[in-house]
Amino acid sequence: MAESKLKYPGEVYQPTWRFLRENFTEAEMRREYSRLREIAQKRLGRMGESEFARSATYERNVGQFPKLSAYTEKGRITRKAEFSRRFAQLARFVESPLSTSRGQKAAQKQQIERLHESGYDFVNKSNYWDFVDFMNEYKSKKLDRVYDSDRVAQAYAAANKARVDPEKLLDEFEYFQQKTNQNALRQWRKDNPDVDTSGMDADDLRKAVEEYKRGKKNAKNRRGSSGR
């Protein structure tokens, strides 16, 4: 187990001001929040430049940890309720194995292995995130449950329990990929009307669209974290 990054016992990072004041001085809270925020921002920055920018952990936490000054006036914490919630969230994020790229890679590997054990052996590292997106759409239409994409293996298990045939799921997944790629291609052509595609083959178009999608995703993530 990785060494804890928390300076104090994990159970004292609770989302209520009264509980925090029983376990921290205000100066300790300010120092600990700033220290943990620095760790979190570095991890989120690395994740945002990788495939894990598509993870629920990243999307749920990016831009969520303002500087300490957002909660203080004249050096004192004045927005106590909001600070307490963010402080607790920050501690949970830093302690989660999924807050690091290494933890994300390990979880992804484990989930792909579990999928293969359940008969969904068409899922691999190259199509994993497309499958995450597919299952998040599929569950709402077919399974009527909500899943965190960092725990997307639960959705696969539910599909298996509901006797969803792997071949049928593969057919629907391939259709989903085709539809998604067609939509992305249409949007790319709309946003790049001056690009001459007459000399581009299918592989050239695919690469152009993938680069376009990554650029759109990175721009969205930068907007989410700006000013933080």
C-alpha atoms as a PDB file:
ATOM      1  CA  MET A   1       0.000   0.000   0.000  1.00  0.00           C
ATOM      2  CA  ALA A   2       1.309   3.438  -0.928  1.00  0.00           C
ATOM      3  CA  GLU A   3       2.373   5.710   1.895  1.00  0.00           C
ATOM      4  CA  SER A   4      -0.311   8.199   2.909  1.00  0.00           C
ATOM      5  CA  LYS A   5       0.204  11.794   1.789  1.00  0.00           C
ATOM      6  CA  LEU A   6      -1.984  13.075   4.623  1.00  0.00           C
ATOM      7  CA  LYS A   7      -0.209  14.693   7.561  1.00  0.00           C
ATOM      8  CA  TYR A   8      -2.990  13.757   9.992  1.00  0.00           C
ATOM      9  CA  PRO A   9      -5.154  10.616  10.446  1.00  0.00           C
ATOM     10  CA  GLY A  10      -7.539  10.206   7.509  1.00  0.00           C
ATOM     11  CA  GLU A  11     -10.658  10.110   9.662  1.00  0.00           C
ATOM     12  CA  VAL A  12     -10.214  13.717  10.812  1.00  0.00           C
ATOM     13  CA  TYR A  13     -10.685  15.158   7.290  1.00  0.00           C
ATOM     14  CA  GLN A  14     -14.443  15.531   7.603  1.00  0.00           C
ATOM     15  CA  PRO A  15     -16.652  17.944   5.604  1.00  0.00           C
ATOM     16  CA  THR A  16     -17.962  19.894   8.602  1.00  0.00           C
ATOM     17  CA  TRP A  17     -16.320  22.935  10.168  1.00  0.00           C
ATOM     18  CA  ARG A  18     -17.212  21.986  13.729  1.00  0.00           C
ATOM     19  CA  PHE A  19     -15.540  18.588  13.408  1.00  0.00           C
ATOM     20  CA  LEU A  20     -12.469  20.094  11.758  1.00  0.00           C
ATOM     21  CA  ARG A  21     -12.065  22.671  14.538  1.00  0.00           C
ATOM     22  CA  GLU A  22     -12.078  19.863  17.090  1.00  0.00           C
ATOM     23  CA  ASN A  23      -9.071  18.264  15.376  1.00  0.00           C
ATOM     24  CA  PHE A  24      -7.145  21.135  13.732  1.00  0.00           C
ATOM     25  CA  THR A  25      -6.137  24.635  14.579  1.00  0.00           C
ATOM     26  CA  GLU A  26      -7.089  27.054  11.829  1.00  0.00           C
ATOM     27  CA  ALA A  27      -3.418  27.551  10.980  1.00  0.00           C
ATOM     28  CA  GLU A  28      -2.986  23.781  10.578  1.00  0.00           C
ATOM     29  CA  MET A  29      -5.971  23.636   8.242  1.00  0.00           C
ATOM     30  CA  ARG A  30      -4.627  26.445   6.079  1.00  0.00           C
ATOM     31  CA  ARG A  31      -1.194  24.838   5.799  1.00  0.00           C
ATOM     32  CA  GLU A  32      -2.564  21.366   5.121  1.00  0.00           C
ATOM     33  CA  TYR A  33      -5.035  22.563   2.501  1.00  0.00           C
ATOM     34  CA  SER A  34      -2.293  24.428   0.611  1.00  0.00           C
ATOM     35  CA  ARG A  35       0.098  21.462   0.832  1.00  0.00           C
ATOM     36  CA  LEU A  36      -2.473  18.935  -0.399  1.00  0.00           C
ATOM     37  CA  ARG A  37      -3.662  21.288  -3.110  1.00  0.00           C
ATOM     38  CA  GLU A  38      -0.140  21.475  -4.528  1.00  0.00           C
ATOM     39  CA  ILE A  39       0.000  17.663  -4.690  1.00  0.00           C
ATOM     40  CA  ALA A  40      -3.449  17.471  -6.284  1.00  0.00           C
ATOM     41  CA  GLN A  41      -2.754  20.113  -8.917  1.00  0.00           C
ATOM     42  CA  LYS A  42       0.422  18.314 -10.026  1.00  0.00           C
ATOM     43  CA  ARG A  43      -1.437  15.007 -10.335  1.00  0.00           C
ATOM     44  CA  LEU A  44      -4.343  16.572 -12.203  1.00  0.00           C
ATOM     45  CA  GLY A  45      -1.913  18.336 -14.524  1.00  0.00           C
ATOM     46  CA  ARG A  46      -0.244  15.040 -15.413  1.00  0.00           C
ATOM     47  CA  MET A  47      -3.563  13.252 -15.855  1.00  0.00           C
ATOM     48  CA  GLY A  48      -4.886  16.069 -18.033  1.00  0.00           C
ATOM     49  CA  GLU A  49      -2.052  15.500 -20.502  1.00  0.00           C
ATOM     50  CA  SER A  50      -2.730  11.753 -20.712  1.00  0.00           C
ATOM     51  CA  GLU A  51      -5.510   9.372 -21.697  1.00  0.00           C
ATOM     52  CA  PHE A  52      -6.764   9.566 -18.116  1.00  0.00           C
ATOM     53  CA  ALA A  53      -8.249  12.989 -18.793  1.00  0.00           C
ATOM     54  CA  ARG A  54     -11.236  10.857 -19.868  1.00  0.00           C
ATOM     55  CA  SER A  55     -11.559   9.266 -16.408  1.00  0.00           C
ATOM     56  CA  ALA A  56     -14.336  10.156 -13.999  1.00  0.00           C
ATOM     57  CA  THR A  57     -11.757  10.856 -11.284  1.00  0.00           C
ATOM     58  CA  TYR A  58     -10.174  13.574 -13.413  1.00  0.00           C
ATOM     59  CA  GLU A  59     -13.433  15.094 -14.635  1.00  0.00           C
ATOM     60  CA  ARG A  60     -14.869  15.119 -11.110  1.00  0.00           C
ATOM     61  CA  ASN A  61     -11.875  16.860  -9.533  1.00  0.00           C
ATOM     62  CA  VAL A  62     -10.268  19.122 -12.132  1.00  0.00           C
ATOM     63  CA  GLY A  63     -10.871  22.763 -11.258  1.00  0.00           C
ATOM     64  CA  GLN A  64     -12.405  21.852  -7.906  1.00  0.00           C
ATOM     65  CA  PHE A  65      -9.633  23.043  -5.590  1.00  0.00           C
ATOM     66  CA  PRO A  66      -9.283  26.847  -5.575  1.00  0.00           C
ATOM     67  CA  LYS A  67      -6.404  28.591  -3.885  1.00  0.00           C
ATOM     68  CA  LEU A  68      -6.791  29.101  -0.147  1.00  0.00           C
ATOM     69  CA  SER A  69      -7.489  32.800  -0.706  1.00  0.00           C
ATOM     70  CA  ALA A  70     -10.890  31.844  -2.169  1.00  0.00           C
ATOM     71  CA  TYR A  71     -12.011  30.964   1.376  1.00  0.00           C
ATOM     72  CA  THR A  72     -10.255  33.609   3.433  1.00  0.00           C
ATOM     73  CA  GLU A  73     -10.353  37.282   4.328  1.00  0.00           C
ATOM     74  CA  LYS A  74      -7.438  38.950   6.069  1.00  0.00           C
ATOM     75  CA  GLY A  75      -5.808  35.566   6.580  1.00  0.00           C
ATOM     76  CA  ARG A  76      -8.800  33.960   8.339  1.00  0.00           C
ATOM     77  CA  ILE A  77     -11.089  31.280   6.902  1.00  0.00           C
ATOM     78  CA  THR A  78     -14.479  32.941   6.473  1.00  0.00           C
ATOM     79  CA  ARG A  79     -16.257  30.629   3.975  1.00  0.00           C
ATOM     80  CA  LYS A  80     -16.184  27.818   6.503  1.00  0.00           C
ATOM     81  CA  ALA A  81     -18.831  25.446   5.117  1.00  0.00           C
ATOM     82  CA  GLU A  82     -17.454  25.494   1.568  1.00  0.00           C
ATOM     83  CA  PHE A  83     -13.877  25.210   2.789  1.00  0.00           C
ATOM     84  CA  SER A  84     -14.787  22.176   4.912  1.00  0.00           C
ATOM     85  CA  ARG A  85     -16.360  20.361   1.952  1.00  0.00           C
ATOM     86  CA  ARG A  86     -13.447  21.100  -0.372  1.00  0.00           C
ATOM     87  CA  PHE A  87     -10.853  20.189   2.269  1.00  0.00           C
ATOM     88  CA  ALA A  88     -12.468  16.779   2.755  1.00  0.00           C
ATOM     89  CA  GLN A  89     -12.779  16.251  -1.023  1.00  0.00           C
ATOM     90  CA  LEU A  90      -9.149  17.237  -1.485  1.00  0.00           C
ATOM     91  CA  ALA A  91      -7.994  14.713   1.121  1.00  0.00           C
ATOM     92  CA  ARG A  92     -10.084  11.942  -0.472  1.00  0.00           C
ATOM     93  CA  PHE A  93      -8.659  12.720  -3.897  1.00  0.00           C
ATOM     94  CA  VAL A  94      -5.034  12.736  -2.759  1.00  0.00           C
ATOM     95  CA  GLU A  95      -5.498   9.441  -0.877  1.00  0.00           C
ATOM     96  CA  SER A  96      -7.221   7.691  -3.791  1.00  0.00           C
ATOM     97  CA  PRO A  97      -5.010   5.357  -5.866  1.00  0.00           C
ATOM     98  CA  LEU A  98      -6.976   6.628  -8.876  1.00  0.00           C
ATOM     99  CA  SER A  99      -5.550  10.127  -8.405  1.00  0.00           C
ATOM    100  CA  THR A 100      -2.271   8.984  -9.988  1.00  0.00           C
ATOM    101  CA  SER A 101      -1.522   7.763 -13.503  1.00  0.00           C
ATOM    102  CA  ARG A 102       0.034   4.636 -12.030  1.00  0.00           C
ATOM    103  CA  GLY A 103      -3.163   3.868 -10.129  1.00  0.00           C
ATOM    104  CA  GLN A 104      -5.271   4.546 -13.208  1.00  0.00           C
ATOM    105  CA  LYS A 105      -3.137   2.188 -15.304  1.00  0.00           C
ATOM    106  CA  ALA A 106      -3.423  -0.576 -12.709  1.00  0.00           C
ATOM    107  CA  ALA A 107      -7.212  -0.151 -12.478  1.00  0.00           C
ATOM    108  CA  GLN A 108      -7.576  -0.146 -16.264  1.00  0.00           C
ATOM    109  CA  LYS A 109      -5.517  -3.345 -16.571  1.00  0.00           C
ATOM    110  CA  GLN A 110      -7.572  -5.050 -13.860  1.00  0.00           C
ATOM    111  CA  GLN A 111     -10.869  -4.033 -15.433  1.00  0.00           C
ATOM    112  CA  ILE A 112      -9.849  -5.280 -18.879  1.00  0.00           C
ATOM    113  CA  GLU A 113      -8.862  -8.608 -17.301  1.00  0.00           C
ATOM    114  CA  ARG A 114     -12.243  -8.834 -15.548  1.00  0.00           C
ATOM    115  CA  LEU A 115     -13.981  -8.073 -18.821  1.00  0.00           C
ATOM    116  CA  HIS A 116     -12.132 -10.881 -20.556  1.00  0.00           C
ATOM    117  CA  GLU A 117     -13.068 -13.262 -17.753  1.00  0.00           C
ATOM    118  CA  SER A 118     -16.733 -12.328 -18.326  1.00  0.00           C
ATOM    119  CA  GLY A 119     -16.482 -13.018 -22.063  1.00  0.00           C
ATOM    120  CA  TYR A 120     -16.040  -9.437 -23.264  1.00  0.00           C
ATOM    121  CA  ASP A 121     -12.641 -10.142 -24.794  1.00  0.00           C
ATOM    122  CA  PHE A 122     -13.056  -7.582 -27.568  1.00  0.00           C
ATOM    123  CA  VAL A 123     -12.148  -4.784 -25.114  1.00  0.00           C
ATOM    124  CA  ASN A 124      -8.469  -3.819 -25.098  1.00  0.00           C
ATOM    125  CA  LYS A 125      -6.280  -0.868 -24.177  1.00  0.00           C
ATOM    126  CA  SER A 126      -6.793   0.840 -27.536  1.00  0.00           C
ATOM    127  CA  ASN A 127     -10.608   0.886 -27.345  1.00  0.00           C
ATOM    128  CA  TYR A 128     -11.005   0.988 -23.556  1.00  0.00           C
ATOM    129  CA  TRP A 129     -12.102   4.625 -23.248  1.00  0.00           C
ATOM    130  CA  ASP A 130     -14.508   4.323 -26.145  1.00  0.00           C
ATOM    131  CA  PHE A 131     -15.992   1.358 -24.296  1.00  0.00           C
ATOM    132  CA  VAL A 132     -16.255   3.395 -21.090  1.00  0.00           C
ATOM    133  CA  ASP A 133     -18.228   6.036 -23.006  1.00  0.00           C
ATOM    134  CA  PHE A 134     -20.329   3.339 -24.640  1.00  0.00           C
ATOM    135  CA  MET A 135     -21.192   1.672 -21.322  1.00  0.00           C
ATOM    136  CA  ASN A 136     -22.126   5.004 -19.763  1.00  0.00           C
ATOM    137  CA  GLU A 137     -24.634   5.462 -22.583  1.00  0.00           C
ATOM    138  CA  TYR A 138     -25.661   1.809 -22.681  1.00  0.00           C
ATOM    139  CA  LYS A 139     -26.447   1.577 -18.974  1.00  0.00           C
ATOM    140  CA  SER A 140     -28.838   4.527 -19.137  1.00  0.00           C
ATOM    141  CA  LYS A 141     -30.760   2.995 -22.021  1.00  0.00           C
ATOM    142  CA  LYS A 142     -30.542  -0.709 -21.250  1.00  0.00           C
ATOM    143  CA  LEU A 143     -29.509  -1.244 -17.638  1.00  0.00           C
ATOM    144  CA  ASP A 144     -31.128   1.829 -16.048  1.00  0.00           C
ATOM    145  CA  ARG A 145     -28.352   2.326 -13.513  1.00  0.00           C
ATOM    146  CA  VAL A 146     -25.663   4.953 -12.987  1.00  0.00           C
ATOM    147  CA  TYR A 147     -22.002   3.982 -12.996  1.00  0.00           C
ATOM    148  CA  ASP A 148     -18.801   5.867 -12.341  1.00  0.00           C
ATOM    149  CA  SER A 149     -16.531   5.227 -15.314  1.00  0.00           C
ATOM    150  CA  ASP A 150     -13.671   4.559 -12.885  1.00  0.00           C
ATOM    151  CA  ARG A 151     -15.795   1.626 -11.723  1.00  0.00           C
ATOM    152  CA  VAL A 152     -17.060   0.752 -15.155  1.00  0.00           C
ATOM    153  CA  ALA A 153     -16.362  -2.955 -14.528  1.00  0.00           C
ATOM    154  CA  GLN A 154     -19.492  -2.885 -12.371  1.00  0.00           C
ATOM    155  CA  ALA A 155     -21.490  -2.019 -15.455  1.00  0.00           C
ATOM    156  CA  TYR A 156     -19.940  -4.908 -17.317  1.00  0.00           C
ATOM    157  CA  ALA A 157     -20.824  -7.196 -14.432  1.00  0.00           C
ATOM    158  CA  ALA A 158     -24.395  -5.898 -14.513  1.00  0.00           C
ATOM    159  CA  ALA A 159     -24.553  -6.545 -18.246  1.00  0.00           C
ATOM    160  CA  ASN A 160     -23.317 -10.068 -17.620  1.00  0.00           C
ATOM    161  CA  LYS A 161     -25.847 -10.580 -14.822  1.00  0.00           C
ATOM    162  CA  ALA A 162     -28.598  -9.317 -17.106  1.00  0.00           C
ATOM    163  CA  ARG A 163     -27.478 -11.980 -19.603  1.00  0.00           C
ATOM    164  CA  VAL A 164     -26.360  -9.492 -22.219  1.00  0.00           C
ATOM    165  CA  ASP A 165     -24.686 -11.669 -24.838  1.00  0.00           C
ATOM    166  CA  PRO A 166     -21.050 -10.586 -25.489  1.00  0.00           C
ATOM    167  CA  GLU A 167     -21.579 -10.785 -29.265  1.00  0.00           C
ATOM    168  CA  LYS A 168     -24.668  -8.575 -29.020  1.00  0.00           C
ATOM    169  CA  LEU A 169     -22.770  -6.111 -26.843  1.00  0.00           C
ATOM    170  CA  LEU A 170     -19.910  -6.105 -29.363  1.00  0.00           C
ATOM    171  CA  ASP A 171     -22.363  -5.321 -32.196  1.00  0.00           C
ATOM    172  CA  GLU A 172     -23.810  -2.406 -30.242  1.00  0.00           C
ATOM    173  CA  PHE A 173     -20.353  -1.177 -29.260  1.00  0.00           C
ATOM    174  CA  GLU A 174     -19.149  -1.179 -32.880  1.00  0.00           C
ATOM    175  CA  TYR A 175     -22.266   0.738 -33.915  1.00  0.00           C
ATOM    176  CA  PHE A 176     -21.625   3.244 -31.110  1.00  0.00           C
ATOM    177  CA  GLN A 177     -18.021   3.733 -32.293  1.00  0.00           C
ATOM    178  CA  GLN A 178     -19.142   4.217 -35.870  1.00  0.00           C
ATOM    179  CA  LYS A 179     -21.791   6.746 -34.872  1.00  0.00           C
ATOM    180  CA  THR A 180     -19.385   8.630 -32.602  1.00  0.00           C
ATOM    181  CA  ASN A 181     -16.685   8.777 -35.279  1.00  0.00           C
ATOM    182  CA  GLN A 182     -19.172   9.949 -37.916  1.00  0.00           C
ATOM    183  CA  ASN A 183     -20.361  12.741 -35.615  1.00  0.00           C
ATOM    184  CA  ALA A 184     -16.766  13.761 -34.885  1.00  0.00           C
ATOM    185  CA  LEU A 185     -15.927  13.742 -38.594  1.00  0.00           C
ATOM    186  CA  ARG A 186     -18.906  15.956 -39.397  1.00  0.00           C
ATOM    187  CA  GLN A 187     -17.920  18.403 -36.663  1.00  0.00           C
ATOM    188  CA  TRP A 188     -14.281  18.378 -37.806  1.00  0.00           C
ATOM    189  CA  ARG A 189     -15.324  19.205 -41.371  1.00  0.00           C
ATOM    190  CA  LYS A 190     -17.588  21.969 -40.075  1.00  0.00           C
ATOM    191  CA  ASP A 191     -14.761  23.493 -38.021  1.00  0.00           C
ATOM    192  CA  ASN A 192     -12.175  23.062 -40.799  1.00  0.00           C
ATOM    193  CA  PRO A 193     -13.968  24.106 -43.999  1.00  0.00           C
ATOM    194  CA  ASP A 194     -10.755  25.179 -45.742  1.00  0.00           C
ATOM    195  CA  VAL A 195      -8.991  21.819 -45.421  1.00  0.00           C
ATOM    196  CA  ASP A 196      -8.745  19.968 -48.732  1.00  0.00           C
ATOM    197  CA  THR A 197      -9.605  16.325 -48.008  1.00  0.00           C
ATOM    198  CA  SER A 198      -9.505  15.117 -51.611  1.00  0.00           C
ATOM    199  CA  GLY A 199      -6.059  13.600 -51.168  1.00  0.00           C
ATOM    200  CA  MET A 200      -6.761  12.075 -47.744  1.00  0.00           C
ATOM    201  CA  ASP A 201      -7.509   8.392 -47.324  1.00  0.00           C
ATOM    202  CA  ALA A 202      -9.559   6.868 -44.487  1.00  0.00           C
ATOM    203  CA  ASP A 203      -6.501   6.524 -42.242  1.00  0.00           C
ATOM    204  CA  ASP A 204      -5.542  10.180 -42.767  1.00  0.00           C
ATOM    205  CA  LEU A 205      -9.065  11.270 -41.863  1.00  0.00           C
ATOM    206  CA  ARG A 206      -9.114   9.068 -38.791  1.00  0.00           C
ATOM    207  CA  LYS A 207      -5.844  10.564 -37.526  1.00  0.00           C
ATOM    208  CA  ALA A 208      -7.054  14.101 -38.204  1.00  0.00           C
ATOM    209  CA  VAL A 209     -10.301  13.498 -36.324  1.00  0.00           C
ATOM    210  CA  GLU A 210      -8.518  11.865 -33.373  1.00  0.00           C
ATOM    211  CA  GLU A 211      -6.156  14.832 -33.114  1.00  0.00           C
ATOM    212  CA  TYR A 212      -9.136  17.171 -33.339  1.00  0.00           C
ATOM    213  CA  LYS A 213     -10.951  15.309 -30.525  1.00  0.00           C
ATOM    214  CA  ARG A 214      -7.879  15.435 -28.293  1.00  0.00           C
ATOM    215  CA  GLY A 215      -7.539  19.159 -28.931  1.00  0.00           C
ATOM    216  CA  LYS A 216     -11.199  19.774 -28.034  1.00  0.00           C
ATOM    217  CA  LYS A 217     -10.824  17.717 -24.858  1.00  0.00           C
ATOM    218  CA  ASN A 218      -7.667  19.527 -23.761  1.00  0.00           C
ATOM    219  CA  ALA A 219      -9.288  22.919 -24.422  1.00  0.00           C
ATOM    220  CA  LYS A 220     -12.265  21.924 -22.264  1.00  0.00           C
ATOM    221  CA  ASN A 221      -9.993  20.801 -19.439  1.00  0.00           C
ATOM    222  CA  ARG A 222      -7.984  24.056 -19.582  1.00  0.00           C
ATOM    223  CA  ARG A 223     -11.213  26.048 -19.299  1.00  0.00           C
ATOM    224  CA  GLY A 224     -12.259  23.948 -16.324  1.00  0.00           C
ATOM    225  CA  SER A 225      -9.033  24.590 -14.464  1.00  0.00           C
ATOM    226  CA  SER A 226      -8.442  28.223 -15.434  1.00  0.00           C
ATOM    227  CA  GLY A 227      -8.328  30.712 -12.616  1.00  0.00           C
ATOM    228  CA  ARG A 228      -7.868  27.984 -10.063  1.00  0.00           C
END
